[in-house]
């Protein structure tokens, strides 16, 4: 997948959190989370334990169509697999299937204090607080200690925060859409090349790289049961890591 100029995920998804590295002495984990509403593949060879989470709990801080959300989750699974995520060596799971996320989020929400000057005064502020709590949970559950993708339209923004459809190249984009987005993107300077020639090289490279990925996504989407089975297996493996952390937290807050 390509990093630095585009988010290589379908437009229905927004990258939520990238590489969070653990500091535990016994084992090092990397946790990557993606909202269902960027090269992570190489992490599998760099670290012994990598978790890829589809953070659907984060996504419902905004109103969602339940049916569409479910579709988006499975498309994301297919996208990650098509890009090279190996569910045998890594842990690929759906956040809501690991109940420890919700339980620890509730505990943090009850106990974590906010300075009076930062107390949310609106629904928007409350949602921001919920997202922060959720992010903290993602880190704590896997004993974790970001590389970001720029918008094509406005490099001062991250691609995930730019609402313009033309700001992001997505895995499911057709070759024509990719070319259009690159050509309409902001002007860049390249040593020895004029802007037009440079963009042409980028267009060609992205079409060649993304076309087989798009085709593989469509193939995988045709086997819903396979995708759901992989998520169930991943959730089981994630719970094995998260459960001891939640148990320790529960003990520290005197639940038992």
Protein backbone atom coordinates (compact mmCIF):
# COMPACT_ATOMS: atom_id res chain seq x y z
CA UNK A 1 0.00 0.00 0.00
CA UNK A 2 1.09 3.55 -0.62
CA UNK A 3 1.83 5.98 2.15
CA UNK A 4 2.48 9.71 2.14
CA UNK A 5 0.14 10.85 -0.61
CA UNK A 6 -3.03 8.89 -0.09
CA UNK A 7 -5.09 6.83 2.29
CA UNK A 8 -5.31 3.46 0.61
CA UNK A 9 -8.55 2.42 2.25
CA UNK A 10 -12.11 2.55 0.90
CA UNK A 11 -13.85 5.87 1.32
CA UNK A 12 -16.30 4.30 3.76
CA UNK A 13 -13.50 3.98 6.28
CA UNK A 14 -11.42 6.50 8.14
CA UNK A 15 -8.02 5.62 9.58
CA UNK A 16 -8.40 6.01 13.33
CA UNK A 17 -5.08 5.23 14.93
CA UNK A 18 -1.84 4.04 13.52
CA UNK A 19 1.14 2.36 15.07
CA UNK A 20 1.16 2.22 18.87
CA UNK A 21 4.17 0.37 20.17
CA UNK A 22 4.17 -1.42 23.51
CA UNK A 23 6.75 -0.91 26.17
CA UNK A 24 6.18 -4.15 28.03
CA UNK A 25 9.34 -5.99 28.97
CA UNK A 26 8.05 -9.45 28.15
CA UNK A 27 6.70 -8.89 24.66
CA UNK A 28 6.24 -6.07 22.19
CA UNK A 29 2.85 -5.49 20.57
CA UNK A 30 1.70 -3.17 17.84
CA UNK A 31 -1.96 -2.12 17.76
CA UNK A 32 -3.55 -0.53 14.69
CA UNK A 33 -7.18 0.51 14.66
CA UNK A 34 -9.41 1.55 11.76
CA UNK A 35 -12.88 3.09 11.96
CA UNK A 36 -15.40 1.50 9.55
CA UNK A 37 -17.12 4.72 8.18
CA UNK A 38 -1.47 3.49 5.89
CA UNK A 39 1.35 0.75 5.12
CA UNK A 40 0.51 -1.59 7.92
CA UNK A 41 1.44 -4.77 6.09
CA UNK A 42 5.15 -4.34 6.75
CA UNK A 43 4.53 -4.30 10.52
CA UNK A 44 3.96 -8.05 10.37
CA UNK A 45 7.59 -8.66 9.53
CA UNK A 46 8.93 -6.00 11.89
CA UNK A 47 7.23 -7.10 15.11
CA UNK A 48 6.34 -10.49 16.61
CA UNK A 49 2.81 -9.51 17.63
CA UNK A 50 0.61 -7.15 15.59
CA UNK A 51 -3.09 -6.49 16.16
CA UNK A 52 -5.33 -4.96 13.50
CA UNK A 53 -8.61 -3.81 14.97
CA UNK A 54 -11.68 -2.56 13.12
CA UNK A 55 -12.83 -0.06 15.72
CA UNK A 56 -16.56 -0.07 15.15
CA UNK A 57 -17.20 1.10 18.72
CA UNK A 58 -15.42 4.36 17.89
CA UNK A 59 -17.50 4.78 14.76
CA UNK A 60 -20.82 4.92 16.64
CA UNK A 61 -19.87 8.19 18.33
CA UNK A 62 -21.65 9.45 15.21
CA UNK A 63 -24.99 8.23 13.92
CA UNK A 64 -24.60 5.10 11.76
CA UNK A 65 -26.87 3.02 9.56
CA UNK A 66 -26.54 -0.44 11.21
CA UNK A 67 -26.84 -2.33 7.93
CA UNK A 68 -24.29 -0.11 6.20
CA UNK A 69 -21.94 -0.32 9.17
CA UNK A 70 -21.95 -4.11 8.94
CA UNK A 71 -21.19 -3.94 5.24
CA UNK A 72 -18.38 -1.47 5.89
CA UNK A 73 -16.82 -3.74 8.48
CA UNK A 74 -16.65 -6.67 6.08
CA UNK A 75 -15.32 -4.49 3.28
CA UNK A 76 -12.55 -3.37 5.61
CA UNK A 77 -11.71 -6.98 6.44
CA UNK A 78 -11.52 -7.77 2.73
CA UNK A 79 -9.38 -4.67 2.16
CA UNK A 80 -6.85 -5.59 4.80
CA UNK A 81 -6.59 -9.15 3.55
CA UNK A 82 -6.22 -7.99 -0.05
CA UNK A 83 -3.38 -5.68 0.99
CA UNK A 84 -1.47 -8.54 2.56
CA UNK A 85 -2.54 -8.77 6.20
CA UNK A 86 -2.05 -12.40 7.25
CA UNK A 87 -4.65 -13.43 9.88
CA UNK A 88 -2.51 -16.41 10.81
CA UNK A 89 0.51 -14.40 11.90
CA UNK A 90 -1.35 -11.25 13.00
CA UNK A 91 -4.53 -10.72 14.99
CA UNK A 92 -7.35 -9.21 12.91
CA UNK A 93 -10.51 -8.54 14.89
CA UNK A 94 -13.62 -6.42 15.28
CA UNK A 95 -13.48 -4.20 18.35
CA UNK A 96 -17.07 -4.75 19.49
CA UNK A 97 -16.51 -8.52 19.57
CA UNK A 98 -13.98 -8.09 22.38
CA UNK A 99 -16.10 -7.02 25.35
CA UNK A 100 -13.05 -5.96 27.34
CA UNK A 101 -12.98 -2.77 25.26
CA UNK A 102 -16.44 -1.70 26.47
CA UNK A 103 -15.82 -2.77 30.06
CA UNK A 104 -12.54 -0.93 30.42
CA UNK A 105 -13.97 2.12 28.66
CA UNK A 106 -16.77 2.26 31.25
CA UNK A 107 -14.29 2.02 34.11
CA UNK A 108 -12.13 4.80 32.68
CA UNK A 109 -15.20 6.93 31.96
CA UNK A 110 -16.27 6.65 35.60
CA UNK A 111 -12.89 7.14 37.21
CA UNK A 112 -10.85 9.33 34.87
CA UNK A 113 -11.16 12.98 35.86
CA UNK A 114 -11.20 16.02 33.59
CA UNK A 115 -10.03 19.46 34.80
CA UNK A 116 -12.99 21.86 35.26
CA UNK A 117 -11.66 24.12 32.51
CA UNK A 118 -11.76 21.17 30.09
CA UNK A 119 -15.11 19.72 31.09
CA UNK A 120 -17.18 19.14 27.92
CA UNK A 121 -19.90 21.76 27.66
CA UNK A 122 -21.68 20.23 24.69
CA UNK A 123 -22.58 16.95 23.05
CA UNK A 124 -19.64 17.44 20.73
CA UNK A 125 -17.33 17.74 23.69
CA UNK A 126 -18.78 14.61 25.24
CA UNK A 127 -18.15 12.68 22.04
CA UNK A 128 -14.58 13.91 21.99
CA UNK A 129 -14.18 12.65 25.56
CA UNK A 130 -15.62 9.26 24.56
CA UNK A 131 -13.14 8.98 21.70
CA UNK A 132 -10.24 9.81 24.01
CA UNK A 133 -11.38 7.19 26.52
CA UNK A 134 -11.72 4.64 23.73
CA UNK A 135 -8.23 5.42 22.48
CA UNK A 136 -6.83 4.98 25.97
CA UNK A 137 -8.57 1.62 26.27
CA UNK A 138 -7.08 0.45 22.98
CA UNK A 139 -3.62 1.21 24.35
CA UNK A 140 -4.10 -0.21 27.83
CA UNK A 141 -5.72 -3.51 26.88
CA UNK A 142 -2.74 -4.62 24.84
CA UNK A 143 -0.05 -3.05 27.02
CA UNK A 144 0.91 -0.54 24.29
CA UNK A 145 3.12 2.44 24.87
CA UNK A 146 1.87 7.83 14.28
CA UNK A 147 2.70 8.04 10.99
CA UNK A 148 0.09 10.15 9.21
CA UNK A 149 -1.30 10.46 5.70
CA UNK A 150 -1.60 13.88 4.08
CA UNK A 151 -4.63 15.15 2.18
CA UNK A 152 -4.22 15.44 -1.58
CA UNK A 153 -6.15 18.71 -1.60
CA UNK A 154 -4.64 20.38 1.45
CA UNK A 155 -1.33 18.97 2.76
CA UNK A 156 -1.81 20.90 5.99
CA UNK A 157 -4.58 18.41 6.84
CA UNK A 158 -4.58 14.67 7.40
CA UNK A 159 -6.49 12.75 4.74
CA UNK A 160 -8.84 11.36 7.40
CA UNK A 161 -9.89 14.85 8.51
CA UNK A 162 -10.41 16.33 5.05
CA UNK A 163 -14.10 15.97 4.08
CA UNK A 164 -13.44 16.42 0.36
CA UNK A 165 -13.91 13.21 -1.64
CA UNK A 166 -11.08 14.26 -3.93
CA UNK A 167 -8.66 14.47 -0.99
CA UNK A 168 -8.13 10.73 -0.68
CA UNK A 169 -7.31 7.91 -3.07
CA UNK A 170 -9.20 4.82 -1.96
CA UNK A 171 -8.62 1.14 -2.60
CA UNK A 172 -11.94 0.75 -4.39
CA UNK A 173 -11.37 3.69 -6.71
CA UNK A 174 -11.39 2.90 -10.43
CA UNK A 175 -8.28 3.75 -12.49
CA UNK A 176 -10.13 6.76 -13.92
CA UNK A 177 -10.96 8.02 -10.42
CA UNK A 178 -7.36 7.62 -9.29
CA UNK A 179 -6.06 9.58 -12.25
CA UNK A 180 -8.62 12.35 -11.70
CA UNK A 181 -7.74 12.71 -8.02
CA UNK A 182 -4.01 12.84 -8.61
CA UNK A 183 -4.32 15.37 -11.43
CA UNK A 184 -6.56 17.62 -9.35
CA UNK A 185 -4.34 17.33 -6.28
CA UNK A 186 -2.15 20.10 -4.98
CA UNK A 187 0.98 21.03 -6.92
CA UNK A 188 4.17 19.29 -5.83
CA UNK A 189 7.78 19.85 -6.71
CA UNK A 190 10.00 17.00 -7.95
CA UNK A 191 13.66 17.36 -8.84
CA UNK A 192 14.13 17.14 -12.60
CA UNK A 193 10.42 16.75 -13.40
CA UNK A 194 7.67 19.21 -14.10
CA UNK A 195 4.45 18.85 -12.14
CA UNK A 196 2.52 17.24 -14.99
CA UNK A 197 5.13 14.55 -15.61
CA UNK A 198 5.49 13.84 -11.91
CA UNK A 199 1.75 13.41 -11.45
CA UNK A 200 1.61 11.13 -14.48
CA UNK A 201 4.23 8.84 -12.95
CA UNK A 202 2.30 8.77 -9.68
CA UNK A 203 -0.97 8.00 -11.47
CA UNK A 204 0.54 5.10 -13.38
CA UNK A 205 2.21 3.65 -10.30
CA UNK A 206 -0.95 3.85 -8.22
CA UNK A 207 -3.16 2.30 -10.88
CA UNK A 208 -0.73 -0.60 -11.31
CA UNK A 209 -0.45 -1.09 -7.55
CA UNK A 210 -4.10 -0.71 -6.59
CA UNK A 211 -5.87 -2.52 -9.44
CA UNK A 212 -5.03 -6.07 -8.25
CA UNK A 213 -5.88 -5.07 -4.68
CA UNK A 214 -9.28 -3.75 -5.75
CA UNK A 215 -9.97 -6.96 -7.66
CA UNK A 216 -8.97 -9.11 -4.69
CA UNK A 217 -11.26 -7.09 -2.39
CA UNK A 218 -14.21 -7.79 -4.67
CA UNK A 219 -13.37 -11.50 -4.70
CA UNK A 220 -13.13 -11.69 -0.92
CA UNK A 221 -16.37 -9.76 -0.44
CA UNK A 222 -18.13 -12.62 -2.20
CA UNK A 223 -17.41 -14.97 0.72
CA UNK A 224 -19.09 -13.34 3.72
CA UNK A 225 -18.85 -16.45 5.91
CA UNK A 226 -15.11 -16.63 5.44
CA UNK A 227 -14.68 -13.01 6.52
CA UNK A 228 -16.92 -13.46 9.56
CA UNK A 229 -15.06 -16.61 10.55
CA UNK A 230 -11.74 -14.78 10.44
CA UNK A 231 -13.14 -12.00 12.64
CA UNK A 232 -14.40 -14.54 15.19
CA UNK A 233 -11.01 -16.23 15.32
CA UNK A 234 -9.26 -12.88 15.69
CA UNK A 235 -11.60 -11.80 18.49
CA UNK A 236 -10.79 -14.98 20.41
CA UNK A 237 -7.06 -14.31 20.15
CA UNK A 238 -7.49 -10.63 21.10
CA UNK A 239 -9.51 -11.57 24.20
CA UNK A 240 -6.67 -13.82 25.34
CA UNK A 241 -4.47 -10.71 25.50
CA UNK A 242 -7.07 -8.26 26.79
CA UNK A 243 -8.63 -10.38 29.55
CA UNK A 244 -5.62 -10.37 31.91
CA UNK A 245 -5.33 -6.58 31.61
CA UNK A 246 -9.00 -6.05 32.44
CA UNK A 247 -8.69 -8.50 35.33
CA UNK A 248 -5.83 -6.48 36.78
CA UNK A 249 -7.76 -3.21 36.36
CA UNK A 250 -10.84 -4.73 38.00
CA UNK A 251 -8.71 -5.84 40.93
CA UNK A 252 -7.18 -2.37 41.30
CA UNK A 253 -10.63 -0.72 41.45
CA UNK A 254 -11.69 -3.30 44.09
CA UNK A 255 -14.27 -5.22 42.06
CA UNK A 256 -12.75 -8.33 43.61
